[in-house]
């Protein structure tokens, strides 16, 4: 973790997360009713992303349980991305 702090990777990740959070707030303030379902899916994906960010910054559990949790969250993000891709193709 110390190496990531030295090269600025953690700070860059935090700034990226803050930027995404700001964009999500802007989107949420102006969602047309026909896009509500799409936004809800995007918001759910954002919550998984947020959970993954938290685990990255403060790992919890054993190596096995941590890896399992990361895989579970990553799978959720991938499933939601597939759904969003379909929505965007409409």
N, C-alpha and C. Protein backbone atom coordinates (compact mmCIF):
# COMPACT_ATOMS: atom_id res chain seq x y z
N UNK A 1 0.83 -1.19 0.00
CA UNK A 1 0.00 0.00 0.00
C UNK A 1 0.88 1.25 0.00
N UNK A 2 1.98 1.14 0.70
CA UNK A 2 2.89 2.28 0.79
C UNK A 2 3.43 2.66 -0.60
N UNK A 3 3.73 1.65 -1.43
CA UNK A 3 4.22 1.92 -2.79
C UNK A 3 3.17 2.66 -3.61
N UNK A 4 1.91 2.30 -3.42
CA UNK A 4 0.83 2.97 -4.15
C UNK A 4 0.70 4.43 -3.72
N UNK A 5 0.93 4.67 -2.44
CA UNK A 5 0.88 6.04 -1.95
C UNK A 5 2.05 6.86 -2.49
N UNK A 6 3.22 6.25 -2.56
CA UNK A 6 4.40 6.96 -3.04
C UNK A 6 4.26 7.39 -4.49
N UNK A 7 3.73 6.51 -5.34
CA UNK A 7 3.64 6.88 -6.75
C UNK A 7 2.35 7.63 -7.10
N UNK A 8 1.52 7.91 -6.10
CA UNK A 8 0.32 8.72 -6.32
C UNK A 8 -0.87 7.95 -6.84
N UNK A 9 -0.76 6.63 -6.95
CA UNK A 9 -1.86 5.84 -7.50
C UNK A 9 -3.12 5.94 -6.63
N UNK A 10 -2.97 5.90 -5.32
CA UNK A 10 -4.13 5.99 -4.44
C UNK A 10 -4.79 7.36 -4.55
N UNK A 11 -4.00 8.38 -4.59
CA UNK A 11 -4.55 9.74 -4.70
C UNK A 11 -5.28 9.89 -6.03
N UNK A 12 -4.71 9.35 -7.09
CA UNK A 12 -5.36 9.40 -8.40
C UNK A 12 -6.68 8.66 -8.39
N UNK A 13 -6.71 7.51 -7.73
CA UNK A 13 -7.95 6.73 -7.63
C UNK A 13 -9.00 7.49 -6.84
N UNK A 14 -8.59 8.13 -5.76
CA UNK A 14 -9.53 8.91 -4.95
C UNK A 14 -10.10 10.07 -5.75
N UNK A 15 -9.26 10.76 -6.50
CA UNK A 15 -9.73 11.87 -7.33
C UNK A 15 -10.69 11.39 -8.42
N UNK A 16 -10.39 10.26 -9.03
CA UNK A 16 -11.28 9.69 -10.04
C UNK A 16 -12.63 9.36 -9.42
N UNK A 17 -12.60 8.77 -8.24
CA UNK A 17 -13.84 8.42 -7.55
C UNK A 17 -14.65 9.68 -7.24
N UNK A 18 -13.99 10.71 -6.78
CA UNK A 18 -14.68 11.97 -6.47
C UNK A 18 -15.31 12.56 -7.73
N UNK A 19 -14.60 12.47 -8.85
CA UNK A 19 -15.13 12.98 -10.12
C UNK A 19 -16.38 12.20 -10.53
N UNK A 20 -16.32 10.89 -10.42
CA UNK A 20 -17.47 10.04 -10.77
C UNK A 20 -18.64 10.35 -9.85
N UNK A 21 -18.38 10.54 -8.57
CA UNK A 21 -19.44 10.87 -7.61
C UNK A 21 -20.11 12.19 -8.00
N UNK A 22 -19.33 13.17 -8.36
CA UNK A 22 -19.87 14.46 -8.79
C UNK A 22 -20.75 14.30 -10.03
N UNK A 23 -20.28 13.52 -10.99
CA UNK A 23 -21.05 13.30 -12.22
C UNK A 23 -22.35 12.55 -11.93
N UNK A 24 -22.32 11.58 -11.03
CA UNK A 24 -23.53 10.84 -10.67
C UNK A 24 -24.55 11.78 -10.03
N UNK A 25 -24.10 12.69 -9.19
CA UNK A 25 -25.02 13.64 -8.56
C UNK A 25 -25.66 14.54 -9.61
N UNK A 26 -24.87 14.98 -10.58
CA UNK A 26 -25.41 15.82 -11.65
C UNK A 26 -26.44 15.05 -12.47
N UNK A 27 -26.12 13.81 -12.81
CA UNK A 27 -27.05 12.98 -13.58
C UNK A 27 -28.35 12.75 -12.80
N UNK A 28 -28.23 12.45 -11.54
CA UNK A 28 -29.39 12.14 -10.72
C UNK A 28 -30.35 13.30 -10.55
N UNK A 29 -29.84 14.51 -10.65
CA UNK A 29 -30.68 15.70 -10.48
C UNK A 29 -31.55 15.98 -11.70
N UNK A 30 -31.25 15.31 -12.81
CA UNK A 30 -31.93 15.67 -14.06
C UNK A 30 -32.29 14.44 -14.91
N UNK A 31 -32.78 13.39 -14.28
CA UNK A 31 -33.08 12.16 -15.00
C UNK A 31 -34.50 12.22 -15.58
N UNK A 32 -34.63 12.13 -16.90
CA UNK A 32 -35.98 12.09 -17.48
C UNK A 32 -36.70 10.81 -17.04
N UNK A 33 -38.00 10.87 -16.93
CA UNK A 33 -38.76 9.71 -16.42
C UNK A 33 -38.56 8.48 -17.29
N UNK A 34 -38.39 8.65 -18.60
CA UNK A 34 -38.20 7.48 -19.47
C UNK A 34 -36.84 6.81 -19.25
N UNK A 35 -35.91 7.51 -18.61
CA UNK A 35 -34.57 6.96 -18.36
C UNK A 35 -34.37 6.53 -16.90
N UNK A 36 -35.43 6.58 -16.10
CA UNK A 36 -35.32 6.27 -14.68
C UNK A 36 -34.76 4.86 -14.44
N UNK A 37 -35.26 3.87 -15.18
CA UNK A 37 -34.76 2.50 -15.01
C UNK A 37 -33.27 2.40 -15.33
N UNK A 38 -32.86 3.10 -16.37
CA UNK A 38 -31.45 3.09 -16.76
C UNK A 38 -30.60 3.73 -15.67
N UNK A 39 -31.08 4.84 -15.14
CA UNK A 39 -30.33 5.52 -14.09
C UNK A 39 -30.26 4.66 -12.84
N UNK A 40 -31.35 3.98 -12.50
CA UNK A 40 -31.34 3.11 -11.31
C UNK A 40 -30.27 2.02 -11.45
N UNK A 41 -30.16 1.46 -12.65
CA UNK A 41 -29.14 0.44 -12.88
C UNK A 41 -27.73 1.04 -12.79
N UNK A 42 -27.59 2.24 -13.33
CA UNK A 42 -26.30 2.94 -13.23
C UNK A 42 -25.97 3.25 -11.78
N UNK A 43 -26.96 3.65 -11.02
CA UNK A 43 -26.75 3.95 -9.60
C UNK A 43 -26.36 2.69 -8.82
N UNK A 44 -26.99 1.57 -9.14
CA UNK A 44 -26.63 0.31 -8.51
C UNK A 44 -25.17 -0.06 -8.85
N UNK A 45 -24.80 0.14 -10.10
CA UNK A 45 -23.42 -0.13 -10.52
C UNK A 45 -22.45 0.77 -9.77
N UNK A 46 -22.82 2.04 -9.63
CA UNK A 46 -22.00 2.98 -8.87
C UNK A 46 -21.83 2.51 -7.42
N UNK A 47 -22.89 1.97 -6.82
CA UNK A 47 -22.77 1.51 -5.43
C UNK A 47 -21.80 0.32 -5.33
N UNK A 48 -21.81 -0.56 -6.33
CA UNK A 48 -20.84 -1.66 -6.35
C UNK A 48 -19.42 -1.11 -6.51
N UNK A 49 -19.27 -0.13 -7.40
CA UNK A 49 -17.98 0.51 -7.62
C UNK A 49 -17.49 1.15 -6.32
N UNK A 50 -18.38 1.78 -5.60
CA UNK A 50 -18.04 2.42 -4.33
C UNK A 50 -17.59 1.39 -3.30
N UNK A 51 -18.30 0.27 -3.25
CA UNK A 51 -17.94 -0.81 -2.34
C UNK A 51 -16.56 -1.37 -2.67
N UNK A 52 -16.29 -1.53 -3.95
CA UNK A 52 -14.98 -2.02 -4.40
C UNK A 52 -13.88 -1.03 -4.03
N UNK A 53 -14.16 0.25 -4.19
CA UNK A 53 -13.20 1.30 -3.81
C UNK A 53 -12.89 1.21 -2.32
N UNK A 54 -13.93 1.05 -1.51
CA UNK A 54 -13.74 0.95 -0.05
C UNK A 54 -12.87 -0.25 0.32
N UNK A 55 -13.13 -1.39 -0.33
CA UNK A 55 -12.32 -2.58 -0.06
C UNK A 55 -10.87 -2.39 -0.49
N UNK A 56 -10.69 -1.67 -1.57
CA UNK A 56 -9.34 -1.42 -2.06
C UNK A 56 -8.54 -0.55 -1.09
N UNK A 57 -9.20 0.47 -0.56
CA UNK A 57 -8.51 1.39 0.35
C UNK A 57 -8.36 0.82 1.75
N UNK A 58 -9.31 -0.03 2.16
CA UNK A 58 -9.25 -0.63 3.49
C UNK A 58 -9.63 -2.11 3.40
N UNK A 59 -8.67 -2.95 2.96
CA UNK A 59 -8.96 -4.38 2.82
C UNK A 59 -9.41 -5.00 4.14
N UNK A 60 -10.39 -5.91 4.04
CA UNK A 60 -10.93 -6.57 5.24
C UNK A 60 -10.99 -8.06 5.02
N UNK A 61 -10.88 -8.81 6.09
CA UNK A 61 -11.00 -10.26 6.04
C UNK A 61 -9.70 -10.93 5.64
N UNK A 62 -9.83 -12.24 5.46
CA UNK A 62 -8.66 -13.03 5.05
C UNK A 62 -8.41 -12.80 3.56
N UNK A 63 -7.28 -13.28 3.10
CA UNK A 63 -6.97 -13.17 1.68
C UNK A 63 -8.04 -13.86 0.84
N UNK A 64 -8.50 -15.00 1.30
CA UNK A 64 -9.53 -15.76 0.56
C UNK A 64 -10.86 -15.01 0.55
N UNK A 65 -11.31 -14.54 1.73
CA UNK A 65 -12.61 -13.85 1.77
C UNK A 65 -12.55 -12.51 1.04
N UNK A 66 -11.41 -11.83 1.13
CA UNK A 66 -11.23 -10.58 0.39
C UNK A 66 -11.33 -10.84 -1.11
N UNK A 67 -10.61 -11.85 -1.58
CA UNK A 67 -10.64 -12.18 -3.00
C UNK A 67 -12.03 -12.57 -3.47
N UNK A 68 -12.75 -13.32 -2.64
CA UNK A 68 -14.11 -13.74 -2.98
C UNK A 68 -15.04 -12.53 -3.08
N UNK A 69 -14.90 -11.61 -2.14
CA UNK A 69 -15.75 -10.41 -2.14
C UNK A 69 -15.45 -9.54 -3.37
N UNK A 70 -14.18 -9.36 -3.68
CA UNK A 70 -13.80 -8.58 -4.86
C UNK A 70 -14.35 -9.23 -6.12
N UNK A 71 -14.26 -10.55 -6.22
CA UNK A 71 -14.79 -11.26 -7.38
C UNK A 71 -16.30 -11.11 -7.49
N UNK A 72 -16.98 -11.19 -6.35
CA UNK A 72 -18.44 -11.04 -6.32
C UNK A 72 -18.86 -9.64 -6.81
N UNK A 73 -18.21 -8.62 -6.29
CA UNK A 73 -18.53 -7.25 -6.69
C UNK A 73 -18.20 -7.03 -8.16
N UNK A 74 -17.06 -7.52 -8.59
CA UNK A 74 -16.66 -7.37 -9.99
C UNK A 74 -17.66 -8.05 -10.92
N UNK A 75 -18.16 -9.19 -10.52
CA UNK A 75 -19.17 -9.90 -11.32
C UNK A 75 -20.46 -9.09 -11.42
N UNK A 76 -20.86 -8.47 -10.32
CA UNK A 76 -22.06 -7.62 -10.32
C UNK A 76 -21.87 -6.43 -11.28
N UNK A 77 -20.70 -5.83 -11.21
CA UNK A 77 -20.41 -4.70 -12.10
C UNK A 77 -20.46 -5.16 -13.56
N UNK A 78 -19.86 -6.31 -13.85
CA UNK A 78 -19.87 -6.84 -15.22
C UNK A 78 -21.29 -7.12 -15.70
N UNK A 79 -22.13 -7.72 -14.84
CA UNK A 79 -23.52 -8.01 -15.22
C UNK A 79 -24.28 -6.71 -15.51
N UNK A 80 -24.09 -5.73 -14.66
CA UNK A 80 -24.77 -4.45 -14.87
C UNK A 80 -24.26 -3.75 -16.13
N UNK A 81 -22.98 -3.88 -16.41
CA UNK A 81 -22.43 -3.26 -17.62
C UNK A 81 -23.07 -3.89 -18.86
N UNK A 82 -23.25 -5.20 -18.82
CA UNK A 82 -23.90 -5.88 -19.95
C UNK A 82 -25.32 -5.34 -20.14
N UNK A 83 -26.06 -5.17 -19.05
CA UNK A 83 -27.41 -4.63 -19.14
C UNK A 83 -27.39 -3.19 -19.67
N UNK A 84 -26.46 -2.39 -19.15
CA UNK A 84 -26.36 -1.00 -19.61
C UNK A 84 -26.00 -0.92 -21.09
N UNK A 85 -25.14 -1.81 -21.55
CA UNK A 85 -24.79 -1.85 -22.97
C UNK A 85 -26.04 -2.10 -23.83
N UNK A 86 -26.91 -2.97 -23.33
CA UNK A 86 -28.14 -3.27 -24.07
C UNK A 86 -29.06 -2.04 -24.07
N UNK A 87 -29.19 -1.40 -22.92
CA UNK A 87 -30.01 -0.18 -22.85
C UNK A 87 -29.50 0.89 -23.80
N UNK A 88 -28.19 1.04 -23.83
CA UNK A 88 -27.60 2.10 -24.67
C UNK A 88 -27.76 1.80 -26.16
N UNK A 89 -27.89 0.53 -26.49
CA UNK A 89 -28.06 0.14 -27.90
C UNK A 89 -29.49 0.40 -28.38
N UNK A 90 -30.42 0.60 -27.45
CA UNK A 90 -31.83 0.82 -27.82
C UNK A 90 -32.01 2.12 -28.57
